[in-house]
């Protein structure tokens, strides 16, 4: 039974990651197609077209690494946060959300051991949820803040938003699979994020008890 659950988790994780990559890839292809149509006979390829092609190649390489169990190594988590913010910027802008990264002085140089793509997936899930919660409030432009800091032998990454809050009666179940309050949600994102954090990075994810905002905190052991 435990083996079946593990396989379900692995398939769900891969399925969600594939969906995320395909969505990003589709956006890049659309941008490329529009740019080519707008060339109007020019011989020189605009810079943004070559950048889009590079991004497509990057996505393909990332997918191949992910399918082959990822590249396990020491890496700078701050760079992963920057890349995730870049990937989600268009989505945030469309929903009038400002993504803000804040770090302490030690964050830029600290190292984590594991697969950087998996950490990117975890942060992507949490930031995407924060964007959706903030967008549901409507009105003026809102912030989603990613705050990273180093504490002794650990690094924490807190994703904060002041959008729609998680009701108290649901807070105990949010990390359980197939539990969701979203109309079109599958209830697997937070489950995957916590499982990958625990099983792959030997860290944890918790929902902060703060009542003034919604805050998920990732805790990861540092590489020494």
C-alpha atoms as a PDB file:
ATOM      1  CA  UNK A   1       0.000   0.000   0.000  1.00  0.00           C
ATOM      2  CA  UNK A   2       2.847   2.385   0.844  1.00  0.00           C
ATOM      3  CA  UNK A   3       4.473   1.598  -2.506  1.00  0.00           C
ATOM      4  CA  UNK A   4       1.235   2.361  -4.340  1.00  0.00           C
ATOM      5  CA  UNK A   5       0.959   5.698  -2.536  1.00  0.00           C
ATOM      6  CA  UNK A   6       4.544   6.525  -3.458  1.00  0.00           C
ATOM      7  CA  UNK A   7       3.847   5.771  -7.116  1.00  0.00           C
ATOM      8  CA  UNK A   8       0.694   7.898  -6.991  1.00  0.00           C
ATOM      9  CA  UNK A   9       2.691  10.750  -5.515  1.00  0.00           C
ATOM     10  CA  UNK A  10       5.444  10.403  -8.144  1.00  0.00           C
ATOM     11  CA  UNK A  11       2.948  10.336 -11.008  1.00  0.00           C
ATOM     12  CA  UNK A  12       1.028  13.290  -9.564  1.00  0.00           C
ATOM     13  CA  UNK A  13       4.236  15.268  -9.093  1.00  0.00           C
ATOM     14  CA  UNK A  14       5.400  14.544 -12.632  1.00  0.00           C
ATOM     15  CA  UNK A  15       1.956  15.299 -14.043  1.00  0.00           C
ATOM     16  CA  UNK A  16       1.735  18.678 -12.356  1.00  0.00           C
ATOM     17  CA  UNK A  17       5.293  19.562 -13.304  1.00  0.00           C
ATOM     18  CA  UNK A  18       4.593  18.580 -16.932  1.00  0.00           C
ATOM     19  CA  UNK A  19       1.478  20.755 -16.959  1.00  0.00           C
ATOM     20  CA  UNK A  20       3.476  23.719 -15.670  1.00  0.00           C
ATOM     21  CA  UNK A  21       6.207  23.231 -18.278  1.00  0.00           C
ATOM     22  CA  UNK A  22       3.759  22.766 -21.141  1.00  0.00           C
ATOM     23  CA  UNK A  23       1.891  25.927 -20.146  1.00  0.00           C
ATOM     24  CA  UNK A  24       5.120  27.926 -20.141  1.00  0.00           C
ATOM     25  CA  UNK A  25       6.221  26.304 -23.402  1.00  0.00           C
ATOM     26  CA  UNK A  26       2.900  27.160 -25.043  1.00  0.00           C
ATOM     27  CA  UNK A  27       3.297  30.799 -24.035  1.00  0.00           C
ATOM     28  CA  UNK A  28       6.789  30.892 -25.506  1.00  0.00           C
ATOM     29  CA  UNK A  29       5.635  29.338 -28.798  1.00  0.00           C
ATOM     30  CA  UNK A  30       2.777  31.854 -29.010  1.00  0.00           C
ATOM     31  CA  UNK A  31       5.218  34.725 -28.502  1.00  0.00           C
ATOM     32  CA  UNK A  32       7.495  33.305 -31.185  1.00  0.00           C
ATOM     33  CA  UNK A  33       4.652  32.882 -33.670  1.00  0.00           C
ATOM     34  CA  UNK A  34       3.420  36.439 -33.167  1.00  0.00           C
ATOM     35  CA  UNK A  35       6.932  37.797 -33.571  1.00  0.00           C
ATOM     36  CA  UNK A  36       7.504  35.907 -36.822  1.00  0.00           C
ATOM     37  CA  UNK A  37       4.171  37.135 -38.198  1.00  0.00           C
ATOM     38  CA  UNK A  38       5.154  40.707 -37.380  1.00  0.00           C
ATOM     39  CA  UNK A  39       8.542  40.527 -39.104  1.00  0.00           C
ATOM     40  CA  UNK A  40       7.135  41.873 -42.382  1.00  0.00           C
ATOM     41  CA  UNK A  41      10.002  40.696 -44.533  1.00  0.00           C
ATOM     42  CA  UNK A  42      12.872  41.823 -42.312  1.00  0.00           C
ATOM     43  CA  UNK A  43      15.999  39.716 -42.730  1.00  0.00           C
ATOM     44  CA  UNK A  44      17.428  40.201 -39.264  1.00  0.00           C
ATOM     45  CA  UNK A  45      15.775  38.138 -36.551  1.00  0.00           C
ATOM     46  CA  UNK A  46      14.793  40.359 -33.584  1.00  0.00           C
ATOM     47  CA  UNK A  47      16.553  39.722 -30.307  1.00  0.00           C
ATOM     48  CA  UNK A  48      13.386  38.706 -28.466  1.00  0.00           C
ATOM     49  CA  UNK A  49      12.842  35.881 -30.963  1.00  0.00           C
ATOM     50  CA  UNK A  50      16.252  34.400 -30.259  1.00  0.00           C
ATOM     51  CA  UNK A  51      15.576  34.786 -26.530  1.00  0.00           C
ATOM     52  CA  UNK A  52      12.318  32.888 -26.936  1.00  0.00           C
ATOM     53  CA  UNK A  53      14.112  30.111 -28.800  1.00  0.00           C
ATOM     54  CA  UNK A  54      16.675  29.915 -26.013  1.00  0.00           C
ATOM     55  CA  UNK A  55      13.883  29.676 -23.455  1.00  0.00           C
ATOM     56  CA  UNK A  56      12.240  26.804 -25.357  1.00  0.00           C
ATOM     57  CA  UNK A  57      15.547  24.947 -25.445  1.00  0.00           C
ATOM     58  CA  UNK A  58      15.953  25.587 -21.712  1.00  0.00           C
ATOM     59  CA  UNK A  59      12.494  24.161 -20.997  1.00  0.00           C
ATOM     60  CA  UNK A  60      13.251  21.032 -22.988  1.00  0.00           C
ATOM     61  CA  UNK A  61      16.523  20.490 -21.135  1.00  0.00           C
ATOM     62  CA  UNK A  62      14.821  21.071 -17.787  1.00  0.00           C
ATOM     63  CA  UNK A  63      12.104  18.529 -18.646  1.00  0.00           C
ATOM     64  CA  UNK A  64      14.685  15.947 -19.623  1.00  0.00           C
ATOM     65  CA  UNK A  65      16.533  16.436 -16.330  1.00  0.00           C
ATOM     66  CA  UNK A  66      13.287  16.165 -14.381  1.00  0.00           C
ATOM     67  CA  UNK A  67      12.203  12.962 -16.102  1.00  0.00           C
ATOM     68  CA  UNK A  68      15.611  11.442 -15.449  1.00  0.00           C
ATOM     69  CA  UNK A  69      15.173  12.097 -11.690  1.00  0.00           C
ATOM     70  CA  UNK A  70      16.812  15.496 -11.753  1.00  0.00           C
ATOM     71  CA  UNK A  71      20.324  16.811 -11.298  1.00  0.00           C
ATOM     72  CA  UNK A  72      21.342  16.290  -7.681  1.00  0.00           C
ATOM     73  CA  UNK A  73      23.996  18.784  -6.603  1.00  0.00           C
ATOM     74  CA  UNK A  74      24.693  21.705  -4.314  1.00  0.00           C
ATOM     75  CA  UNK A  75      23.131  24.937  -5.588  1.00  0.00           C
ATOM     76  CA  UNK A  76      22.200  28.494  -4.619  1.00  0.00           C
ATOM     77  CA  UNK A  77      18.475  28.576  -3.719  1.00  0.00           C
ATOM     78  CA  UNK A  78      18.374  32.339  -4.260  1.00  0.00           C
ATOM     79  CA  UNK A  79      18.875  31.750  -7.993  1.00  0.00           C
ATOM     80  CA  UNK A  80      15.957  29.320  -8.010  1.00  0.00           C
ATOM     81  CA  UNK A  81      13.734  31.931  -6.378  1.00  0.00           C
ATOM     82  CA  UNK A  82      14.777  34.490  -9.017  1.00  0.00           C
ATOM     83  CA  UNK A  83      13.958  32.052 -11.834  1.00  0.00           C
ATOM     84  CA  UNK A  84      10.557  31.202 -10.358  1.00  0.00           C
ATOM     85  CA  UNK A  85       9.682  34.882 -10.071  1.00  0.00           C
ATOM     86  CA  UNK A  86      10.701  35.354 -13.714  1.00  0.00           C
ATOM     87  CA  UNK A  87       8.516  32.449 -14.838  1.00  0.00           C
ATOM     88  CA  UNK A  88       5.468  33.725 -12.946  1.00  0.00           C
ATOM     89  CA  UNK A  89       5.859  37.428 -13.718  1.00  0.00           C
ATOM     90  CA  UNK A  90       3.452  37.447 -16.670  1.00  0.00           C
ATOM     91  CA  UNK A  91       0.787  35.621 -14.664  1.00  0.00           C
ATOM     92  CA  UNK A  92       1.265  38.013 -11.770  1.00  0.00           C
ATOM     93  CA  UNK A  93       1.090  41.086 -14.019  1.00  0.00           C
ATOM     94  CA  UNK A  94      -2.153  39.881 -15.618  1.00  0.00           C
ATOM     95  CA  UNK A  95      -3.689  39.578 -12.164  1.00  0.00           C
ATOM     96  CA  UNK A  96      -2.319  42.940 -10.967  1.00  0.00           C
ATOM     97  CA  UNK A  97       0.025  41.230  -8.518  1.00  0.00           C
ATOM     98  CA  UNK A  98       3.512  42.498  -7.704  1.00  0.00           C
ATOM     99  CA  UNK A  99       6.066  39.761  -6.880  1.00  0.00           C
ATOM    100  CA  UNK A 100       8.635  40.954  -4.344  1.00  0.00           C
ATOM    101  CA  UNK A 101      11.770  39.124  -3.241  1.00  0.00           C
ATOM    102  CA  UNK A 102      13.436  40.028   0.046  1.00  0.00           C
ATOM    103  CA  UNK A 103      16.502  38.333   1.504  1.00  0.00           C
ATOM    104  CA  UNK A 104      19.026  38.749   4.280  1.00  0.00           C
ATOM    105  CA  UNK A 105      22.771  39.120   3.707  1.00  0.00           C
ATOM    106  CA  UNK A 106      23.526  35.388   4.016  1.00  0.00           C
ATOM    107  CA  UNK A 107      20.962  34.127   1.536  1.00  0.00           C
ATOM    108  CA  UNK A 108      22.888  34.950  -1.643  1.00  0.00           C
ATOM    109  CA  UNK A 109      25.862  32.773  -0.678  1.00  0.00           C
ATOM    110  CA  UNK A 110      24.178  29.836   1.091  1.00  0.00           C
ATOM    111  CA  UNK A 111      23.928  26.419  -0.555  1.00  0.00           C
ATOM    112  CA  UNK A 112      21.284  23.667  -0.587  1.00  0.00           C
ATOM    113  CA  UNK A 113      21.853  20.073  -1.697  1.00  0.00           C
ATOM    114  CA  UNK A 114      19.359  18.443  -4.038  1.00  0.00           C
ATOM    115  CA  UNK A 115      17.574  19.039  -7.320  1.00  0.00           C
ATOM    116  CA  UNK A 116      17.106  22.781  -8.039  1.00  0.00           C
ATOM    117  CA  UNK A 117      14.223  22.031 -10.417  1.00  0.00           C
ATOM    118  CA  UNK A 118      12.313  20.402  -7.571  1.00  0.00           C
ATOM    119  CA  UNK A 119      12.817  23.408  -5.334  1.00  0.00           C
ATOM    120  CA  UNK A 120      11.616  25.588  -8.201  1.00  0.00           C
ATOM    121  CA  UNK A 121       8.511  23.414  -8.469  1.00  0.00           C
ATOM    122  CA  UNK A 122       7.789  23.765  -4.739  1.00  0.00           C
ATOM    123  CA  UNK A 123       8.137  27.551  -4.790  1.00  0.00           C
ATOM    124  CA  UNK A 124       6.108  27.738  -8.012  1.00  0.00           C
ATOM    125  CA  UNK A 125       3.201  25.918  -6.349  1.00  0.00           C
ATOM    126  CA  UNK A 126       3.199  28.212  -3.306  1.00  0.00           C
ATOM    127  CA  UNK A 127       3.651  31.463  -5.225  1.00  0.00           C
ATOM    128  CA  UNK A 128       0.992  30.466  -7.785  1.00  0.00           C
ATOM    129  CA  UNK A 129      -1.446  29.777  -4.937  1.00  0.00           C
ATOM    130  CA  UNK A 130      -0.601  33.163  -3.414  1.00  0.00           C
ATOM    131  CA  UNK A 131      -1.229  34.885  -6.752  1.00  0.00           C
ATOM    132  CA  UNK A 132      -4.614  33.196  -7.072  1.00  0.00           C
ATOM    133  CA  UNK A 133      -5.584  34.098  -3.503  1.00  0.00           C
ATOM    134  CA  UNK A 134      -4.555  37.717  -4.031  1.00  0.00           C
ATOM    135  CA  UNK A 135      -6.236  37.988  -7.430  1.00  0.00           C
ATOM    136  CA  UNK A 136      -9.519  36.739  -5.941  1.00  0.00           C
ATOM    137  CA  UNK A 137      -9.696  39.929  -3.866  1.00  0.00           C
ATOM    138  CA  UNK A 138      -9.738  42.164  -6.960  1.00  0.00           C
ATOM    139  CA  UNK A 139      -9.342  45.924  -6.635  1.00  0.00           C
ATOM    140  CA  UNK A 140      -5.964  47.629  -6.415  1.00  0.00           C
ATOM    141  CA  UNK A 141      -2.553  46.074  -7.114  1.00  0.00           C
ATOM    142  CA  UNK A 142      -1.460  43.634  -4.390  1.00  0.00           C
ATOM    143  CA  UNK A 143       1.858  42.146  -3.316  1.00  0.00           C
ATOM    144  CA  UNK A 144       3.079  38.576  -2.986  1.00  0.00           C
ATOM    145  CA  UNK A 145       6.332  38.555  -1.034  1.00  0.00           C
ATOM    146  CA  UNK A 146       8.986  35.842  -1.069  1.00  0.00           C
ATOM    147  CA  UNK A 147      11.205  36.391   1.955  1.00  0.00           C
ATOM    148  CA  UNK A 148      14.311  34.192   2.347  1.00  0.00           C
ATOM    149  CA  UNK A 149      16.685  34.193   5.282  1.00  0.00           C
ATOM    150  CA  UNK A 150      19.307  31.977   6.911  1.00  0.00           C
ATOM    151  CA  UNK A 151      18.890  30.839  10.504  1.00  0.00           C
ATOM    152  CA  UNK A 152      21.758  28.770  11.935  1.00  0.00           C
ATOM    153  CA  UNK A 153      21.887  25.543   9.869  1.00  0.00           C
ATOM    154  CA  UNK A 154      18.683  26.191   7.951  1.00  0.00           C
ATOM    155  CA  UNK A 155      17.270  28.457   5.297  1.00  0.00           C
ATOM    156  CA  UNK A 156      13.651  29.543   5.419  1.00  0.00           C
ATOM    157  CA  UNK A 157      11.593  30.783   2.484  1.00  0.00           C
ATOM    158  CA  UNK A 158       8.313  32.460   3.433  1.00  0.00           C
ATOM    159  CA  UNK A 159       5.651  33.137   0.795  1.00  0.00           C
ATOM    160  CA  UNK A 160       3.249  35.827   2.032  1.00  0.00           C
ATOM    161  CA  UNK A 161       0.049  37.337   0.689  1.00  0.00           C
ATOM    162  CA  UNK A 162      -2.923  39.315   1.997  1.00  0.00           C
ATOM    163  CA  UNK A 163      -5.473  37.788  -0.328  1.00  0.00           C
ATOM    164  CA  UNK A 164      -8.291  35.376   0.478  1.00  0.00           C
ATOM    165  CA  UNK A 165      -7.433  33.658   3.752  1.00  0.00           C
ATOM    166  CA  UNK A 166      -7.615  29.931   4.476  1.00  0.00           C
ATOM    167  CA  UNK A 167     -10.550  29.291   6.784  1.00  0.00           C
ATOM    168  CA  UNK A 168      -9.614  27.938  10.210  1.00  0.00           C
ATOM    169  CA  UNK A 169     -11.629  24.750   9.687  1.00  0.00           C
ATOM    170  CA  UNK A 170      -9.626  23.945   6.533  1.00  0.00           C
ATOM    171  CA  UNK A 171      -6.137  24.672   7.852  1.00  0.00           C
ATOM    172  CA  UNK A 172      -5.626  21.188   9.308  1.00  0.00           C
ATOM    173  CA  UNK A 173      -6.338  19.484   5.981  1.00  0.00           C
ATOM    174  CA  UNK A 174      -4.601  21.672   3.403  1.00  0.00           C
ATOM    175  CA  UNK A 175      -1.619  19.323   3.013  1.00  0.00           C
ATOM    176  CA  UNK A 176      -3.795  16.232   2.542  1.00  0.00           C
ATOM    177  CA  UNK A 177      -4.154  14.963  -1.053  1.00  0.00           C
ATOM    178  CA  UNK A 178      -7.327  15.816  -2.981  1.00  0.00           C
ATOM    179  CA  UNK A 179      -8.329  18.491  -0.472  1.00  0.00           C
ATOM    180  CA  UNK A 180      -9.150  21.844  -2.046  1.00  0.00           C
ATOM    181  CA  UNK A 181     -11.423  24.867  -1.662  1.00  0.00           C
ATOM    182  CA  UNK A 182     -10.856  26.010  -5.266  1.00  0.00           C
ATOM    183  CA  UNK A 183     -13.623  25.581  -7.810  1.00  0.00           C
ATOM    184  CA  UNK A 184     -11.292  24.007 -10.389  1.00  0.00           C
ATOM    185  CA  UNK A 185      -8.633  22.783  -7.957  1.00  0.00           C
ATOM    186  CA  UNK A 186      -7.315  19.219  -7.725  1.00  0.00           C
ATOM    187  CA  UNK A 187      -6.057  19.378  -4.148  1.00  0.00           C
ATOM    188  CA  UNK A 188      -2.648  17.934  -4.980  1.00  0.00           C
ATOM    189  CA  UNK A 189      -0.320  20.958  -5.134  1.00  0.00           C
ATOM    190  CA  UNK A 190       0.359  21.521  -1.427  1.00  0.00           C
ATOM    191  CA  UNK A 191       0.555  17.772  -0.856  1.00  0.00           C
ATOM    192  CA  UNK A 192       3.247  17.463  -3.510  1.00  0.00           C
ATOM    193  CA  UNK A 193       5.108  20.534  -2.248  1.00  0.00           C
ATOM    194  CA  UNK A 194       5.325  19.142   1.296  1.00  0.00           C
ATOM    195  CA  UNK A 195       6.212  15.597   0.177  1.00  0.00           C
ATOM    196  CA  UNK A 196       9.050  16.783  -2.061  1.00  0.00           C
ATOM    197  CA  UNK A 197      10.331  19.105   0.672  1.00  0.00           C
ATOM    198  CA  UNK A 198      10.328  16.310   3.248  1.00  0.00           C
ATOM    199  CA  UNK A 199      11.440  13.359   1.115  1.00  0.00           C
ATOM    200  CA  UNK A 200      13.921  15.042  -1.207  1.00  0.00           C
ATOM    201  CA  UNK A 201      15.311  17.968   0.811  1.00  0.00           C
ATOM    202  CA  UNK A 202      14.670  16.621   4.339  1.00  0.00           C
ATOM    203  CA  UNK A 203      12.981  19.894   5.209  1.00  0.00           C
ATOM    204  CA  UNK A 204       9.387  20.898   5.906  1.00  0.00           C
ATOM    205  CA  UNK A 205       6.589  23.290   4.933  1.00  0.00           C
ATOM    206  CA  UNK A 206       4.168  24.787   7.413  1.00  0.00           C
ATOM    207  CA  UNK A 207       1.316  27.250   7.394  1.00  0.00           C
ATOM    208  CA  UNK A 208       2.158  30.126   9.712  1.00  0.00           C
ATOM    209  CA  UNK A 209      -0.287  30.841  12.551  1.00  0.00           C
ATOM    210  CA  UNK A 210      -0.254  34.550  11.636  1.00  0.00           C
ATOM    211  CA  UNK A 211      -3.716  36.054  11.323  1.00  0.00           C
ATOM    212  CA  UNK A 212      -2.819  39.307   9.532  1.00  0.00           C
ATOM    213  CA  UNK A 213      -1.815  37.475   6.323  1.00  0.00           C
ATOM    214  CA  UNK A 214      -1.363  34.033   4.793  1.00  0.00           C
ATOM    215  CA  UNK A 215       2.187  32.736   5.063  1.00  0.00           C
ATOM    216  CA  UNK A 216       3.672  29.386   4.054  1.00  0.00           C
ATOM    217  CA  UNK A 217       7.182  28.759   5.357  1.00  0.00           C
ATOM    218  CA  UNK A 218       9.627  26.337   3.723  1.00  0.00           C
ATOM    219  CA  UNK A 219      12.528  25.216   5.947  1.00  0.00           C
ATOM    220  CA  UNK A 220      15.536  23.632   4.257  1.00  0.00           C
ATOM    221  CA  UNK A 221      18.805  22.327   5.742  1.00  0.00           C
ATOM    222  CA  UNK A 222      21.906  24.089   4.447  1.00  0.00           C
ATOM    223  CA  UNK A 223      24.693  22.256   2.626  1.00  0.00           C
ATOM    224  CA  UNK A 224      27.950  22.207   4.571  1.00  0.00           C
END
